[in-house]
Amino acid sequence: MSTYDPPKGDIPILHEDSDLLVVDKPAGLLSVPGKGEDLADCLLTRLETAFPTVRLVHRLDRDTSGVMVFALTAHAQRDLGAQFEARKTRKIYVARVAGRLTPKAGDVDLPLIVDWPNRPRQMVSLETGKPALTGYKVLRTSDEESRVRLFPHTGRTHQLRVHMLALGHPILGDELYAPETAAQFPRMMLHAEELRVNHPESGRGMSFRARTPF
């Protein structure tokens, strides 16, 4: 992995109320602190300066951008956490992947497990992996690359990255799973475009979107 050099600047706020904080995480910024002082700068600690009660609910990989929801109360954190655990949320991603992806829509149902000798890499394991399911739809395609919308039905570590790799169409710019493409792209081409949750107090369904920057 490259040296950690997180982007500077303000974090775009998509929504704020007494219970929720929704932001557009920039690519290259950790969601939570890593091990060591050099990995202390992260989205959570930056938000804590303006929102002292902010609480983590879920994560995005360092090099993934897009919609992240945080809780501002203990109750909201429990409620949102339960929604993610019960798969009551809906997550939509956009990615650019290598090659012409066919068919133009489908599901990837391949169990995943950590690749211990090569962690943090994950891998497909039909014998010992945990269930993982991703839906996809091709938006545009050429011989060189395809633009796809991804619908994770489970939330395994690196799920979208490993599932696209398993199809033979890795996400472009991914240093871990497609290092041969990393030099050609300014970042990993994966963005969390939309997140739908139920408000922890009213129960009302809410949808948050962040424009795809690539």
C-alpha atoms as a PDB file:
ATOM      1  CA  MET A   1       0.000   0.000   0.000  1.00  0.00           C
ATOM      2  CA  SER A   2       1.145   3.551  -0.683  1.00  0.00           C
ATOM      3  CA  THR A   3       2.195   5.958   2.061  1.00  0.00           C
ATOM      4  CA  TYR A   4      -0.782   7.382   3.916  1.00  0.00           C
ATOM      5  CA  ASP A   5      -1.275  10.951   2.725  1.00  0.00           C
ATOM      6  CA  PRO A   6      -4.899  11.823   3.497  1.00  0.00           C
ATOM      7  CA  PRO A   7      -6.612  14.644   1.600  1.00  0.00           C
ATOM      8  CA  LYS A   8      -7.001  18.013   3.303  1.00  0.00           C
ATOM      9  CA  GLY A   9     -10.042  20.258   3.315  1.00  0.00           C
ATOM     10  CA  ASP A  10     -13.534  20.259   4.743  1.00  0.00           C
ATOM     11  CA  ILE A  11     -15.746  17.180   4.845  1.00  0.00           C
ATOM     12  CA  PRO A  12     -18.968  17.711   2.832  1.00  0.00           C
ATOM     13  CA  ILE A  13     -22.040  17.409   5.081  1.00  0.00           C
ATOM     14  CA  LEU A  14     -25.026  15.813   3.307  1.00  0.00           C
ATOM     15  CA  HIS A  15     -27.465  15.810   6.233  1.00  0.00           C
ATOM     16  CA  GLU A  16     -27.514  16.756   9.905  1.00  0.00           C
ATOM     17  CA  ASP A  17     -30.206  16.527  12.571  1.00  0.00           C
ATOM     18  CA  SER A  18     -30.278  15.774  16.287  1.00  0.00           C
ATOM     19  CA  ASP A  19     -29.691  12.044  15.694  1.00  0.00           C
ATOM     20  CA  LEU A  20     -27.877  11.653  12.364  1.00  0.00           C
ATOM     21  CA  LEU A  21     -24.865  13.040  10.588  1.00  0.00           C
ATOM     22  CA  VAL A  22     -24.343  12.032   6.950  1.00  0.00           C
ATOM     23  CA  VAL A  23     -21.184  12.993   5.074  1.00  0.00           C
ATOM     24  CA  ASP A  24     -19.431  12.435   1.757  1.00  0.00           C
ATOM     25  CA  LYS A  25     -16.143  10.744   2.687  1.00  0.00           C
ATOM     26  CA  PRO A  26     -13.241  11.645   0.399  1.00  0.00           C
ATOM     27  CA  ALA A  27     -11.111   8.891  -1.108  1.00  0.00           C
ATOM     28  CA  GLY A  28      -7.787   8.371   0.645  1.00  0.00           C
ATOM     29  CA  LEU A  29      -9.042   9.114   4.167  1.00  0.00           C
ATOM     30  CA  LEU A  30      -9.401   6.361   6.768  1.00  0.00           C
ATOM     31  CA  SER A  31     -12.835   5.995   8.366  1.00  0.00           C
ATOM     32  CA  VAL A  32     -11.269   5.300  11.795  1.00  0.00           C
ATOM     33  CA  PRO A  33      -7.719   5.571  13.128  1.00  0.00           C
ATOM     34  CA  GLY A  34      -5.207   2.946  12.068  1.00  0.00           C
ATOM     35  CA  LYS A  35      -2.404   1.549  14.207  1.00  0.00           C
ATOM     36  CA  GLY A  36       0.342   4.120  14.806  1.00  0.00           C
ATOM     37  CA  GLU A  37       0.519   7.909  14.943  1.00  0.00           C
ATOM     38  CA  ASP A  38       0.984   8.140  11.197  1.00  0.00           C
ATOM     39  CA  LEU A  39      -2.528   6.681  10.750  1.00  0.00           C
ATOM     40  CA  ALA A  40      -4.266   8.787  13.421  1.00  0.00           C
ATOM     41  CA  ASP A  41      -5.860  11.263  11.024  1.00  0.00           C
ATOM     42  CA  CYS A  42      -9.237   9.904   9.966  1.00  0.00           C
ATOM     43  CA  LEU A  43     -12.817  10.878   9.197  1.00  0.00           C
ATOM     44  CA  LEU A  44     -14.082  10.066  12.698  1.00  0.00           C
ATOM     45  CA  THR A  45     -11.519  12.237  14.526  1.00  0.00           C
ATOM     46  CA  ARG A  46     -12.044  15.112  12.092  1.00  0.00           C
ATOM     47  CA  LEU A  47     -15.787  15.025  12.670  1.00  0.00           C
ATOM     48  CA  GLU A  48     -15.335  14.890  16.452  1.00  0.00           C
ATOM     49  CA  THR A  49     -13.958  18.429  16.455  1.00  0.00           C
ATOM     50  CA  ALA A  50     -17.278  19.824  15.205  1.00  0.00           C
ATOM     51  CA  PHE A  51     -19.591  17.066  16.492  1.00  0.00           C
ATOM     52  CA  PRO A  52     -18.269  15.883  19.890  1.00  0.00           C
ATOM     53  CA  THR A  53     -20.982  13.216  20.298  1.00  0.00           C
ATOM     54  CA  VAL A  54     -20.436  11.611  16.878  1.00  0.00           C
ATOM     55  CA  ARG A  55     -20.472   7.796  16.956  1.00  0.00           C
ATOM     56  CA  LEU A  56     -19.354   5.269  14.353  1.00  0.00           C
ATOM     57  CA  VAL A  57     -21.980   3.069  12.687  1.00  0.00           C
ATOM     58  CA  HIS A  58     -20.222   1.554   9.657  1.00  0.00           C
ATOM     59  CA  ARG A  59     -17.043   2.028   7.622  1.00  0.00           C
ATOM     60  CA  LEU A  60     -15.812   2.578   4.107  1.00  0.00           C
ATOM     61  CA  ASP A  61     -12.386   1.438   2.936  1.00  0.00           C
ATOM     62  CA  ARG A  62      -9.708   4.122   2.939  1.00  0.00           C
ATOM     63  CA  ASP A  63      -9.682   4.494  -0.839  1.00  0.00           C
ATOM     64  CA  THR A  64     -13.475   4.383  -1.266  1.00  0.00           C
ATOM     65  CA  SER A  65     -15.374   7.670  -1.317  1.00  0.00           C
ATOM     66  CA  GLY A  66     -19.015   8.424  -0.717  1.00  0.00           C
ATOM     67  CA  VAL A  67     -21.928   8.371   1.683  1.00  0.00           C
ATOM     68  CA  MET A  68     -21.301   7.514   5.338  1.00  0.00           C
ATOM     69  CA  VAL A  69     -23.834   7.857   8.147  1.00  0.00           C
ATOM     70  CA  PHE A  70     -22.855   8.550  11.754  1.00  0.00           C
ATOM     71  CA  ALA A  71     -24.974   8.594  14.896  1.00  0.00           C
ATOM     72  CA  LEU A  72     -25.076  11.556  17.255  1.00  0.00           C
ATOM     73  CA  THR A  73     -26.690   9.703  20.180  1.00  0.00           C
ATOM     74  CA  ALA A  74     -26.246   6.289  21.784  1.00  0.00           C
ATOM     75  CA  HIS A  75     -29.786   5.281  20.807  1.00  0.00           C
ATOM     76  CA  ALA A  76     -29.227   6.266  17.187  1.00  0.00           C
ATOM     77  CA  GLN A  77     -26.006   4.254  17.110  1.00  0.00           C
ATOM     78  CA  ARG A  78     -27.771   1.133  18.426  1.00  0.00           C
ATOM     79  CA  ASP A  79     -30.706   1.539  16.052  1.00  0.00           C
ATOM     80  CA  LEU A  80     -28.596   2.164  12.953  1.00  0.00           C
ATOM     81  CA  GLY A  81     -26.213  -0.634  13.910  1.00  0.00           C
ATOM     82  CA  ALA A  82     -29.159  -3.020  14.140  1.00  0.00           C
ATOM     83  CA  GLN A  83     -30.359  -1.915  10.696  1.00  0.00           C
ATOM     84  CA  PHE A  84     -26.978  -2.685   9.165  1.00  0.00           C
ATOM     85  CA  GLU A  85     -26.783  -6.003  11.023  1.00  0.00           C
ATOM     86  CA  ALA A  86     -30.263  -7.033   9.842  1.00  0.00           C
ATOM     87  CA  ARG A  87     -29.508  -5.823   6.285  1.00  0.00           C
ATOM     88  CA  LYS A  88     -32.354  -3.341   6.390  1.00  0.00           C
ATOM     89  CA  THR A  89     -30.191  -0.648   4.818  1.00  0.00           C
ATOM     90  CA  ARG A  90     -29.710  -0.304   1.066  1.00  0.00           C
ATOM     91  CA  LYS A  91     -26.295   0.571  -0.324  1.00  0.00           C
ATOM     92  CA  ILE A  92     -25.548   1.491  -3.926  1.00  0.00           C
ATOM     93  CA  TYR A  93     -22.028   1.929  -5.284  1.00  0.00           C
ATOM     94  CA  VAL A  94     -20.577   2.984  -8.618  1.00  0.00           C
ATOM     95  CA  ALA A  95     -17.313   1.495  -9.900  1.00  0.00           C
ATOM     96  CA  ARG A  96     -15.160   1.451 -12.989  1.00  0.00           C
ATOM     97  CA  VAL A  97     -13.819  -2.046 -13.624  1.00  0.00           C
ATOM     98  CA  ALA A  98     -11.375  -3.515 -16.107  1.00  0.00           C
ATOM     99  CA  GLY A  99     -12.660  -4.950 -19.380  1.00  0.00           C
ATOM    100  CA  ARG A 100     -16.101  -5.556 -20.855  1.00  0.00           C
ATOM    101  CA  LEU A 101     -18.285  -7.033 -18.113  1.00  0.00           C
ATOM    102  CA  THR A 102     -20.904  -9.515 -19.320  1.00  0.00           C
ATOM    103  CA  PRO A 103     -23.714 -10.273 -18.823  1.00  0.00           C
ATOM    104  CA  LYS A 104     -24.926  -6.737 -18.224  1.00  0.00           C
ATOM    105  CA  ALA A 105     -26.605  -7.632 -14.926  1.00  0.00           C
ATOM    106  CA  GLY A 106     -26.261 -10.411 -12.401  1.00  0.00           C
ATOM    107  CA  ASP A 107     -25.301 -11.530  -8.917  1.00  0.00           C
ATOM    108  CA  VAL A 108     -21.991 -12.626  -7.441  1.00  0.00           C
ATOM    109  CA  ASP A 109     -22.627 -15.178  -4.690  1.00  0.00           C
ATOM    110  CA  LEU A 110     -19.179 -16.163  -3.409  1.00  0.00           C
ATOM    111  CA  PRO A 111     -18.226 -16.605   0.279  1.00  0.00           C
ATOM    112  CA  LEU A 112     -15.258 -14.590   1.549  1.00  0.00           C
ATOM    113  CA  ILE A 113     -12.587 -15.017   4.196  1.00  0.00           C
ATOM    114  CA  VAL A 114      -9.422 -13.165   5.163  1.00  0.00           C
ATOM    115  CA  ASP A 115      -6.301 -14.255   3.288  1.00  0.00           C
ATOM    116  CA  TRP A 116      -4.203 -14.551   6.457  1.00  0.00           C
ATOM    117  CA  PRO A 117      -0.694 -14.719   4.927  1.00  0.00           C
ATOM    118  CA  ASN A 118      -1.530 -11.686   2.777  1.00  0.00           C
ATOM    119  CA  ARG A 119      -3.850  -9.680   5.023  1.00  0.00           C
ATOM    120  CA  PRO A 120      -5.556  -7.259   4.763  1.00  0.00           C
ATOM    121  CA  ARG A 121      -6.411  -9.047   1.487  1.00  0.00           C
ATOM    122  CA  GLN A 122      -9.590 -11.122   1.456  1.00  0.00           C
ATOM    123  CA  MET A 123     -10.284 -14.102  -0.788  1.00  0.00           C
ATOM    124  CA  VAL A 124     -13.027 -16.410  -1.987  1.00  0.00           C
ATOM    125  CA  SER A 125     -13.289 -19.659  -0.037  1.00  0.00           C
ATOM    126  CA  LEU A 126     -16.123 -22.031  -0.871  1.00  0.00           C
ATOM    127  CA  GLU A 127     -15.229 -24.199   2.131  1.00  0.00           C
ATOM    128  CA  THR A 128     -14.730 -21.729   4.992  1.00  0.00           C
ATOM    129  CA  GLY A 129     -15.819 -18.303   3.711  1.00  0.00           C
ATOM    130  CA  LYS A 130     -18.709 -16.293   5.119  1.00  0.00           C
ATOM    131  CA  PRO A 131     -21.698 -15.760   2.795  1.00  0.00           C
ATOM    132  CA  ALA A 132     -21.341 -12.712   0.555  1.00  0.00           C
ATOM    133  CA  LEU A 133     -23.730 -11.539  -2.152  1.00  0.00           C
ATOM    134  CA  THR A 134     -23.349  -8.629  -4.581  1.00  0.00           C
ATOM    135  CA  GLY A 135     -25.717  -7.568  -7.351  1.00  0.00           C
ATOM    136  CA  TYR A 136     -24.426  -5.581 -10.314  1.00  0.00           C
ATOM    137  CA  LYS A 137     -25.712  -3.695 -13.338  1.00  0.00           C
ATOM    138  CA  VAL A 138     -23.535  -2.445 -16.190  1.00  0.00           C
ATOM    139  CA  LEU A 139     -24.129   1.225 -17.000  1.00  0.00           C
ATOM    140  CA  ARG A 140     -21.603   1.648 -19.830  1.00  0.00           C
ATOM    141  CA  THR A 141     -19.019  -0.668 -21.327  1.00  0.00           C
ATOM    142  CA  SER A 142     -16.145  -0.849 -23.800  1.00  0.00           C
ATOM    143  CA  ASP A 143     -13.309  -3.243 -24.500  1.00  0.00           C
ATOM    144  CA  GLU A 144     -11.146  -1.370 -21.981  1.00  0.00           C
ATOM    145  CA  GLU A 145     -13.496  -0.884 -19.046  1.00  0.00           C
ATOM    146  CA  SER A 146     -17.057  -0.999 -17.729  1.00  0.00           C
ATOM    147  CA  ARG A 147     -18.924   1.396 -15.486  1.00  0.00           C
ATOM    148  CA  VAL A 148     -21.140  -0.564 -13.110  1.00  0.00           C
ATOM    149  CA  ARG A 149     -23.575  -0.013 -10.297  1.00  0.00           C
ATOM    150  CA  LEU A 150     -23.052  -2.413  -7.399  1.00  0.00           C
ATOM    151  CA  PHE A 151     -25.594  -3.542  -4.809  1.00  0.00           C
ATOM    152  CA  PRO A 152     -24.016  -5.306  -1.812  1.00  0.00           C
ATOM    153  CA  HIS A 153     -26.562  -7.448   0.036  1.00  0.00           C
ATOM    154  CA  THR A 154     -23.980  -8.364   2.678  1.00  0.00           C
ATOM    155  CA  GLY A 155     -21.208  -6.259   4.179  1.00  0.00           C
ATOM    156  CA  ARG A 156     -18.031  -8.330   4.141  1.00  0.00           C
ATOM    157  CA  THR A 157     -14.623  -6.667   4.204  1.00  0.00           C
ATOM    158  CA  HIS A 158     -13.517  -5.717   0.669  1.00  0.00           C
ATOM    159  CA  GLN A 159     -16.588  -7.520  -0.663  1.00  0.00           C
ATOM    160  CA  LEU A 160     -17.089  -5.468  -3.828  1.00  0.00           C
ATOM    161  CA  ARG A 161     -13.383  -5.444  -4.631  1.00  0.00           C
ATOM    162  CA  VAL A 162     -12.972  -9.217  -4.277  1.00  0.00           C
ATOM    163  CA  HIS A 163     -16.214 -10.057  -6.073  1.00  0.00           C
ATOM    164  CA  MET A 164     -15.282  -7.928  -9.091  1.00  0.00           C
ATOM    165  CA  LEU A 165     -11.824  -9.503  -9.108  1.00  0.00           C
ATOM    166  CA  ALA A 166     -13.425 -12.965  -8.978  1.00  0.00           C
ATOM    167  CA  LEU A 167     -15.389 -12.107 -12.117  1.00  0.00           C
ATOM    168  CA  GLY A 168     -12.133 -11.180 -13.845  1.00  0.00           C
ATOM    169  CA  HIS A 169     -12.981  -7.478 -13.841  1.00  0.00           C
ATOM    170  CA  PRO A 170     -11.112  -5.849 -10.917  1.00  0.00           C
ATOM    171  CA  ILE A 171     -11.881  -2.294  -9.859  1.00  0.00           C
ATOM    172  CA  LEU A 172      -9.484   0.074 -11.605  1.00  0.00           C
ATOM    173  CA  GLY A 173      -6.915   1.858  -9.473  1.00  0.00           C
ATOM    174  CA  ASP A 174      -7.150  -0.697  -6.646  1.00  0.00           C
ATOM    175  CA  GLU A 175      -3.635  -0.977  -5.194  1.00  0.00           C
ATOM    176  CA  LEU A 176      -4.451  -4.193  -3.352  1.00  0.00           C
ATOM    177  CA  TYR A 177      -6.354  -6.253  -5.916  1.00  0.00           C
ATOM    178  CA  ALA A 178      -5.350  -4.631  -9.221  1.00  0.00           C
ATOM    179  CA  PRO A 179      -1.918  -3.088  -8.554  1.00  0.00           C
ATOM    180  CA  GLU A 180      -1.079  -3.143 -12.257  1.00  0.00           C
ATOM    181  CA  THR A 181      -3.754  -0.461 -12.786  1.00  0.00           C
ATOM    182  CA  ALA A 182      -2.915   1.754  -9.791  1.00  0.00           C
ATOM    183  CA  ALA A 183      -0.426   3.985 -11.615  1.00  0.00           C
ATOM    184  CA  GLN A 184      -2.962   4.740 -14.345  1.00  0.00           C
ATOM    185  CA  PHE A 185      -5.626   6.178 -12.018  1.00  0.00           C
ATOM    186  CA  PRO A 186      -5.510   8.902  -9.346  1.00  0.00           C
ATOM    187  CA  ARG A 187      -7.518   6.749  -6.926  1.00  0.00           C
ATOM    188  CA  MET A 188      -9.515   3.537  -6.629  1.00  0.00           C
ATOM    189  CA  MET A 189     -12.576   3.842  -8.838  1.00  0.00           C
ATOM    190  CA  LEU A 190     -15.183   2.900  -6.212  1.00  0.00           C
ATOM    191  CA  HIS A 191     -17.744   5.303  -4.758  1.00  0.00           C
ATOM    192  CA  ALA A 192     -20.636   4.816  -2.318  1.00  0.00           C
ATOM    193  CA  GLU A 193     -23.272   6.720  -4.268  1.00  0.00           C
ATOM    194  CA  GLU A 194     -26.407   6.153  -2.185  1.00  0.00           C
ATOM    195  CA  LEU A 195     -27.392   4.917   1.261  1.00  0.00           C
ATOM    196  CA  ARG A 196     -30.929   4.329   2.469  1.00  0.00           C
ATOM    197  CA  VAL A 197     -31.731   3.952   6.175  1.00  0.00           C
ATOM    198  CA  ASN A 198     -34.694   4.381   8.492  1.00  0.00           C
ATOM    199  CA  HIS A 199     -34.458   7.336  10.833  1.00  0.00           C
ATOM    200  CA  PRO A 200     -33.712   5.987  14.337  1.00  0.00           C
ATOM    201  CA  GLU A 201     -36.420   8.144  15.974  1.00  0.00           C
ATOM    202  CA  SER A 202     -39.239   8.507  13.425  1.00  0.00           C
ATOM    203  CA  GLY A 203     -38.626   5.263  11.525  1.00  0.00           C
ATOM    204  CA  ARG A 204     -39.047   7.212   8.289  1.00  0.00           C
ATOM    205  CA  GLY A 205     -37.091   5.936   5.311  1.00  0.00           C
ATOM    206  CA  MET A 206     -34.358   8.349   4.209  1.00  0.00           C
ATOM    207  CA  SER A 207     -32.075   8.260   1.185  1.00  0.00           C
ATOM    208  CA  PHE A 208     -28.761  10.090   0.931  1.00  0.00           C
ATOM    209  CA  ARG A 209     -26.733  10.522  -2.252  1.00  0.00           C
ATOM    210  CA  ALA A 210     -23.266  11.787  -3.078  1.00  0.00           C
ATOM    211  CA  ARG A 211     -22.383  12.524  -6.678  1.00  0.00           C
ATOM    212  CA  THR A 212     -19.822  10.139  -8.174  1.00  0.00           C
ATOM    213  CA  PRO A 213     -16.591  12.121  -8.717  1.00  0.00           C
ATOM    214  CA  PHE A 214     -15.231  10.023 -11.600  1.00  0.00           C
END
